[in-house]
Protein backbone atom coordinates (compact mmCIF):
# COMPACT_ATOMS: atom_id res chain seq x y z
CA LEU A 1 -146.74 97.80 45.63
CA PHE A 2 -145.83 101.47 46.30
CA LEU A 3 -142.28 100.37 47.60
CA SER A 4 -141.85 98.15 44.67
CA ILE A 5 -142.63 100.97 42.28
CA MET A 6 -140.36 103.46 44.13
CA ALA A 7 -137.50 100.89 44.26
CA GLY A 8 -137.85 100.02 40.56
CA GLY A 9 -138.17 103.68 39.52
CA LEU A 10 -134.99 104.43 41.62
CA VAL A 11 -133.16 101.49 39.89
CA LEU A 12 -134.17 102.81 36.45
CA ALA A 13 -133.06 106.33 37.38
CA VAL A 14 -129.59 105.08 38.40
CA VAL A 15 -129.41 102.92 35.27
CA GLY A 16 -130.26 106.15 33.25
CA TYR A 17 -127.20 107.83 34.94
CA LEU A 18 -125.00 104.99 33.86
CA CYS A 19 -126.32 105.13 30.26
CA VAL A 20 -125.61 108.83 30.07
CA ARG A 21 -122.18 108.27 31.36
CA GLY A 22 -121.46 105.35 29.06
CA CYS A 23 -123.04 106.97 25.82
CA ALA A 24 -121.61 110.40 26.27
CA ALA A 25 -119.80 111.25 23.07
CA SER A 26 -119.21 114.46 21.40
CA ASP A 27 -116.46 116.50 19.65
CA TYR A 28 -117.43 119.49 21.61
CA VAL A 29 -116.39 119.69 25.14
CA PRO A 30 -117.63 122.76 26.84
CA ASP A 31 -115.84 124.73 29.52
CA LEU A 32 -117.67 123.35 32.61
CA VAL A 33 -117.10 126.55 34.65
CA GLU A 34 -118.49 128.58 31.91
CA PHE A 35 -121.23 126.14 31.46
CA ALA A 36 -122.28 126.39 35.06
CA LYS A 37 -122.29 130.21 34.93
CA THR A 38 -124.63 130.14 31.95
CA PRO A 39 -127.80 132.06 32.95
CA GLY A 40 -130.10 129.20 31.80
CA VAL A 41 -128.37 126.53 33.75
CA THR A 42 -128.05 128.82 36.81
CA ARG A 43 -131.80 129.63 36.75
CA ASN A 44 -132.76 125.97 36.24
CA CYS A 45 -130.72 124.89 39.18
CA LEU A 46 -132.15 127.40 41.48
CA VAL A 47 -135.67 126.50 40.37
CA ASP A 48 -134.78 122.83 41.06
CA HIS A 49 -133.39 123.75 44.53
CA TRP A 50 -136.46 125.70 45.65
CA LEU A 51 -138.90 123.16 44.09
CA SER A 52 -137.19 120.37 45.98
CA VAL A 53 -137.29 122.00 49.43
CA LEU A 54 -140.70 123.56 48.93
CA SER A 55 -142.21 120.19 47.69
CA SER A 56 -140.72 118.41 50.65
CA LEU A 57 -142.43 121.04 53.08
CA GLY A 58 -145.71 121.21 51.09
CA ILE A 59 -146.27 117.37 50.79
CA SER A 60 -145.57 116.62 54.33
CA TRP A 61 -147.73 119.42 55.73
CA CYS A 62 -150.41 118.76 53.30
CA ALA A 63 -150.63 115.24 54.60
CA TYR A 64 -150.64 116.43 58.12
CA PHE A 65 -153.50 118.86 57.70
CA ASN A 66 -155.54 116.25 55.87
CA GLY A 67 -155.06 113.88 58.74
CA ALA A 68 -153.15 111.42 56.48
CA TYR A 69 -150.27 110.88 58.79
CA ASN A 70 -148.77 108.34 61.14
CA SER A 71 -145.62 107.89 63.24
CA ARG A 72 -144.50 104.66 61.50
CA THR A 73 -144.19 105.67 57.80
CA GLY A 74 -144.74 109.43 58.30
CA ILE A 75 -146.68 110.47 55.27
CA PRO A 76 -148.62 107.68 53.62
CA TYR A 77 -147.35 106.03 50.38
CA GLU A 78 -149.81 107.96 48.21
CA TYR A 79 -148.07 111.16 49.38
CA GLN A 80 -144.63 109.47 49.19
CA MET A 81 -145.35 108.65 45.45
CA VAL A 82 -145.83 112.45 44.85
CA PHE A 83 -142.62 113.10 46.37
CA PHE A 84 -140.89 110.38 44.61
CA GLY A 85 -142.00 111.78 41.32
CA VAL A 86 -140.37 115.20 42.38
CA CYS A 87 -137.12 113.29 43.02
CA ILE A 88 -137.28 111.63 39.61
CA LEU A 89 -137.82 114.99 37.87
CA HIS A 90 -134.71 116.26 39.77
CA MET A 91 -132.55 113.29 38.68
CA THR A 92 -133.74 113.69 35.10
CA HIS A 93 -132.69 117.38 35.21
CA GLU A 94 -129.24 116.28 36.30
CA MET A 95 -129.11 113.64 33.48
CA VAL A 96 -129.90 116.27 30.95
CA MET A 97 -127.12 118.43 32.16
CA LEU A 98 -124.65 115.48 32.17
CA ALA A 99 -125.57 114.71 28.62
CA GLN A 100 -124.80 118.38 27.72
CA VAL A 101 -121.18 118.33 29.01
CA GLY A 102 -120.31 115.54 26.68
CA PRO A 103 -117.29 113.26 27.42
CA ALA A 104 -116.36 115.03 30.61
CA VAL A 105 -118.85 112.94 32.46
CA GLN A 106 -116.86 109.85 31.58
CA LYS A 107 -114.01 111.00 33.81
CA VAL A 108 -116.23 109.76 36.68
CA SER A 109 -116.24 105.93 37.15
CA TYR A 110 -119.46 104.00 36.73
CA ASN A 111 -119.31 102.86 40.48
CA LYS A 112 -118.94 106.53 41.64
CA THR A 113 -121.64 107.75 39.26
CA ALA A 114 -124.15 105.30 40.76
CA ARG A 115 -123.17 106.29 44.28
CA LEU A 116 -123.32 109.94 43.75
CA ALA A 117 -126.72 109.54 41.91
CA LEU A 118 -128.08 107.74 44.91
CA SER A 119 -126.50 110.53 47.24
CA SER A 120 -128.41 113.22 45.14
CA ILE A 121 -131.81 111.64 45.94
CA PHE A 122 -130.93 110.86 49.58
CA GLY A 123 -130.23 114.57 49.94
CA LEU A 124 -133.83 115.31 49.09
CA VAL A 125 -135.09 112.49 51.22
CA HIS A 126 -133.12 113.98 54.19
CA ILE A 127 -135.07 117.42 53.74
CA ALA A 128 -138.30 115.52 53.80
CA LEU A 129 -137.51 113.32 56.83
CA THR A 130 -136.40 116.41 58.90
CA THR A 131 -139.88 118.09 58.06
CA GLN A 132 -141.59 114.91 59.16
CA PHE A 133 -139.75 114.83 62.42
CA SER A 134 -141.28 118.15 63.42
CA ILE A 135 -144.72 116.94 62.54
CA ILE A 136 -144.37 113.87 64.52
CA ALA A 137 -143.35 116.16 67.43
CA LEU A 138 -146.43 118.17 66.94
CA ARG A 139 -148.62 114.98 67.01
CA HIS A 140 -147.13 114.06 70.41
CA HIS A 141 -147.75 117.65 71.65
CA ALA A 142 -143.87 118.20 72.03
CA PHE A 143 -144.40 121.82 70.82
CA GLY A 144 -140.94 122.74 72.03
CA PHE A 145 -139.21 120.12 69.87
CA ALA A 146 -141.50 121.05 66.79
CA ILE A 147 -140.95 124.72 67.07
CA PHE A 148 -137.26 124.44 67.43
CA SER A 149 -136.85 122.06 64.62
CA ILE A 150 -138.99 124.24 62.34
CA THR A 151 -137.13 127.24 63.18
CA THR A 152 -133.85 125.69 62.61
CA PHE A 153 -134.94 124.38 59.22
CA VAL A 154 -136.38 127.94 58.18
CA PHE A 155 -133.37 129.84 59.49
CA CYS A 156 -130.68 127.59 58.17
CA ASN A 157 -132.02 125.79 55.18
CA ILE A 158 -134.48 128.26 53.72
CA CYS A 159 -133.32 131.83 54.75
CA GLY A 160 -129.77 130.77 55.02
CA GLN A 161 -128.83 128.17 52.15
CA LEU A 162 -131.50 128.87 49.63
CA VAL A 163 -131.45 132.58 49.73
CA LEU A 164 -127.59 132.44 49.71
CA LEU A 165 -127.67 130.24 46.57
CA SER A 166 -130.22 132.60 44.97
CA CYS A 167 -128.26 135.85 45.61
CA ASN A 168 -124.50 134.88 45.17
CA ALA A 169 -123.53 131.06 44.52
CA PRO A 170 -120.18 129.95 42.85
CA PRO A 171 -120.66 127.29 40.05
CA ASP A 172 -119.36 124.43 42.25
CA LEU A 173 -121.73 125.22 45.15
CA MET A 174 -124.71 125.51 42.83
CA PHE A 175 -124.18 121.76 42.04
CA LYS A 176 -123.01 120.72 45.42
CA ALA A 177 -126.02 121.80 47.51
CA ARG A 178 -127.08 118.28 48.19
CA SER A 179 -128.67 117.84 44.78
CA PHE A 180 -126.36 117.57 41.79
CA GLU A 181 -123.65 115.31 43.20
CA VAL A 182 -122.55 113.87 39.85
CA MET A 183 -122.38 117.22 38.11
CA HIS A 184 -120.40 118.63 41.00
CA LYS A 185 -117.90 115.73 40.83
CA VAL A 186 -117.51 116.26 37.02
CA LEU A 187 -116.73 120.02 37.52
CA SER A 188 -114.41 119.20 40.45
CA ILE A 189 -112.45 116.92 38.33
CA GLU A 190 -111.95 119.50 35.47
CA GLN A 191 -110.90 122.15 38.07
CA ALA A 192 -108.36 119.85 39.36
CA GLU A 193 -106.96 119.04 36.07
CA LYS A 194 -106.67 122.60 35.15
CA LYS A 195 -105.01 123.49 38.42
CA LYS A 196 -102.49 120.68 37.93
CA ALA A 197 -101.89 121.70 34.26
CA GLY A 198 -101.25 125.31 35.44
CA GLN A 199 -104.40 126.55 33.24
CA ALA A 200 -106.54 127.75 36.02
CA ALA A 201 -107.24 131.42 35.61
CA PRO A 202 -107.14 133.50 38.57
CA VAL A 203 -110.61 133.62 40.43
CA GLU A 204 -112.17 137.07 39.85
CA GLU A 205 -115.34 138.11 41.81
CA PRO A 206 -118.06 139.16 39.60
CA LEU A 207 -118.88 142.89 39.55
CA THR A 208 -122.28 144.23 40.37
CA ASP A 209 -124.15 147.36 39.38
CA THR A 210 -124.92 149.97 42.16
CA PRO A 211 -127.74 152.50 42.15
CA GLU A 212 -125.12 155.20 41.73
CA GLY A 213 -123.88 153.63 38.37
CA LYS A 214 -120.59 152.52 39.81
CA ARG A 215 -119.13 149.06 39.65
CA LYS A 216 -117.93 147.26 42.82
CA LYS A 217 -117.23 143.75 43.99
CA PRO A 218 -119.72 141.92 46.14
CA ARG A 219 -119.09 141.79 49.89
CA ILE A 220 -118.84 138.07 50.01
CA SER A 221 -116.36 136.11 48.04
CA ASP A 222 -116.95 132.65 46.61
CA ALA A 223 -114.89 131.13 49.28
CA GLY A 224 -116.89 133.08 51.83
CA VAL A 225 -120.25 131.87 50.37
CA GLY A 226 -119.04 128.28 50.22
CA GLY A 227 -117.95 128.52 53.86
CA THR A 228 -121.12 130.08 55.09
CA PHE A 229 -123.22 127.49 53.20
CA THR A 230 -121.17 124.61 54.78
CA LEU A 231 -121.47 126.15 58.25
CA LEU A 232 -125.36 126.51 57.92
CA SER A 233 -125.62 122.92 56.74
CA ALA A 234 -123.61 121.49 59.56
CA LEU A 235 -125.34 123.63 62.15
CA SER A 236 -128.83 122.60 60.97
CA ASP A 237 -127.83 118.92 60.83
CA PHE A 238 -126.26 119.04 64.23
CA ILE A 239 -129.16 120.81 65.96
CA GLN A 240 -131.69 118.48 64.26
CA CYS A 241 -129.60 115.44 65.25
CA ILE A 242 -129.66 116.50 68.94
CA LEU A 243 -133.36 117.32 68.89
CA MET A 244 -134.23 113.95 67.41
CA ALA A 245 -132.01 111.95 69.87
CA VAL A 246 -133.48 113.78 72.91
CA PHE A 247 -136.97 113.34 71.53
CA MET A 248 -136.63 109.61 71.01
CA ASN A 249 -135.21 109.19 74.51
CA ARG A 250 -138.42 110.91 75.93
CA TYR A 251 -141.04 109.50 73.67
CA GLY A 252 -139.57 106.16 72.32
CA GLN A 253 -138.36 105.24 68.83
CA PHE A 254 -140.06 105.94 65.61
CA PRO A 255 -138.83 104.48 62.27
CA VAL A 256 -139.20 107.83 60.43
CA ILE A 257 -137.13 109.60 63.18
CA VAL A 258 -134.55 106.77 63.22
CA ALA A 259 -134.13 106.97 59.51
CA SER A 260 -133.76 110.83 59.67
CA LEU A 261 -131.43 110.58 62.60
CA CYS A 262 -129.17 108.10 60.61
CA LEU A 263 -129.26 110.21 57.47
CA THR A 264 -128.55 113.24 59.38
CA GLY A 265 -125.62 111.65 61.18
CA PHE A 266 -124.28 110.39 57.70
CA HIS A 267 -124.41 113.91 56.27
CA ILE A 268 -122.43 115.32 59.27
CA ALA A 269 -119.85 112.63 58.99
CA TRP A 270 -119.62 112.98 55.15
CA THR A 271 -119.25 116.74 55.40
CA ALA A 272 -116.58 116.42 58.10
CA LEU A 273 -114.61 113.80 56.11
CA SER A 274 -114.81 115.70 52.94
CA LYS A 275 -113.51 118.82 54.44
CA THR A 276 -110.77 117.11 56.43
CA PHE A 277 -109.61 114.86 53.48
CA PRO A 278 -110.45 116.86 50.36
CA ASN A 279 -108.36 114.68 48.17
CA ALA A 280 -109.87 111.26 49.44
CA GLY A 281 -112.76 111.26 46.84
CA PHE A 282 -115.66 111.78 49.27
């Protein structure tokens, strides 16, 4: 029953993306870069990023401390339904933003819209499965694996990626952070079209106020922020992948860890291909 509800909800969410893509019509087409820089959009995206990560942690650890945990499904289906509700809220948030950008979303094909919508939710599932791996390691008294996994997640994903997004994130990275894949694709297409038409303005780093009342540029450029974010993501995925493989070699296979390992490997390969072949459409 729970699986049927989640599968049906996921299908309806993807259909919602396709409906937004097909019905988008407006005489007003906003500049997507300026749209992404709007304080309200930036604030809402940051809240979404933090809520997605903290809910993944909170729901999993709540199940563990309440004794409602097993090595087959990880957290019980009742807890999974709560996490699924968070994922649906996230997808609804992205659909609202897609509706606001008007006809720009129609530059992405239906097939790619559906694929990227699924990629958005799988990015959140990846975080939850990584958390559940550390809990399974704790249940089997593999404290070294658990501590190393938790430390890697906190350092790379929270103190690294989330704090970086909160302090200084360029517009495309705000969408790309494994959450708003369709919005990121729409923005990338517009940026590519402007560059091809010679309309792209030179990228200027925002100025910030200092206590002395002077104005100066931030120490990290947009390219530096993007590179650091990608490095932290790849480093976290690589370390977690090695930990899971070694853990299963010692303690046997677990469906949750196998799923997490496959999803982590997919993210590593996807990141490598997207950086190696930037024009291939990954």
